[in-house]
Structure formats: structure tokens, C-alpha cells
Amino acid sequence: MKAYLTRRYMFSASHRLHSKGMSDAENRETYGKCNNPHGHGHNYALEVTVSGEVQAATGMVCNRKDLDGFVDRAILQNFDIQNLNLLPEFADDVPTTENLCIALYDILQRGFTGAHLERVRLEQTIRNSFE
């Protein structure tokens, strides 16, 4: 039987929403206060859901220690307390939370082998979350 495991992780990062392909006026109109030249920060909640068969030997979908270790090394150590605009993942993309969610999914999809990656959900504020 297929089972699901969801783990929640927290990190903080700042960003400025500003597209190089738009004028300053277009950026202000599009992104509003999120286009502040000094940026702004968020406390993100990342939920990672994996799935797979429950292993008879362990009774688990995957070893939570393995998942936690991978997320810590691949995501938390690289994104926590960072300015997203300065990271290589956003050299060509605006660091919206939509794009951040996609980047985190890609990192997890490429690197975690302990179970099948089902979903990445990123909560930016109490009112905004992305999958």
C-alpha cells in the first residue's frame, strides 16, 4: 500500500521582486511594495511530501533522518538567511515565491532518492502558499 509522509521545515529569506525586462515604473506597478529597493523578508514554511510503499523492515515510507538531512544540506543551508536575488537559482528569474517553490521542487526531485517526491508546498504568509 502506498503511504505519504509530509515533513515541515522553516527558513527565513529576503527578496526584492524586480524584473530586469521591465522598466522601473512597470516593476512598481506590477510588484507594488514588494519592489522596495531594499527588499523585504519572509519566514517560510516548507512542506515536503514523499510517498512510497511502507517498508516491512522499518514500517516507514522512508527514513525521516535521511529526508531531514537532505533538506538541511540541499535547501536550508543554502536558502536560510539569504537574499534570494543573489542566489544562482535566480540569476535569470524574479525570486517570486512561485519561482522559489519550483526551484525547491527541482532540487528535491534531482537529489532525494529515499522515496517518491509527491509535493512541495511553500507558505510565505498566513494568506499565501504555493505548490
Foldseek 3Di string as FASTA:
>chain_A
DKDKDKDKDKAKEWEAFDAPPDDPVVSCVVPPPSNPPVTDMFIKIKMWMFMDDQDPVPRHLFPVVLVVVLCCVQPRVQGHHYYVCPDPLPVNHGPDVQSVQVVVVVSCCPDDDGGHTDDMKMDGDPVDIDD
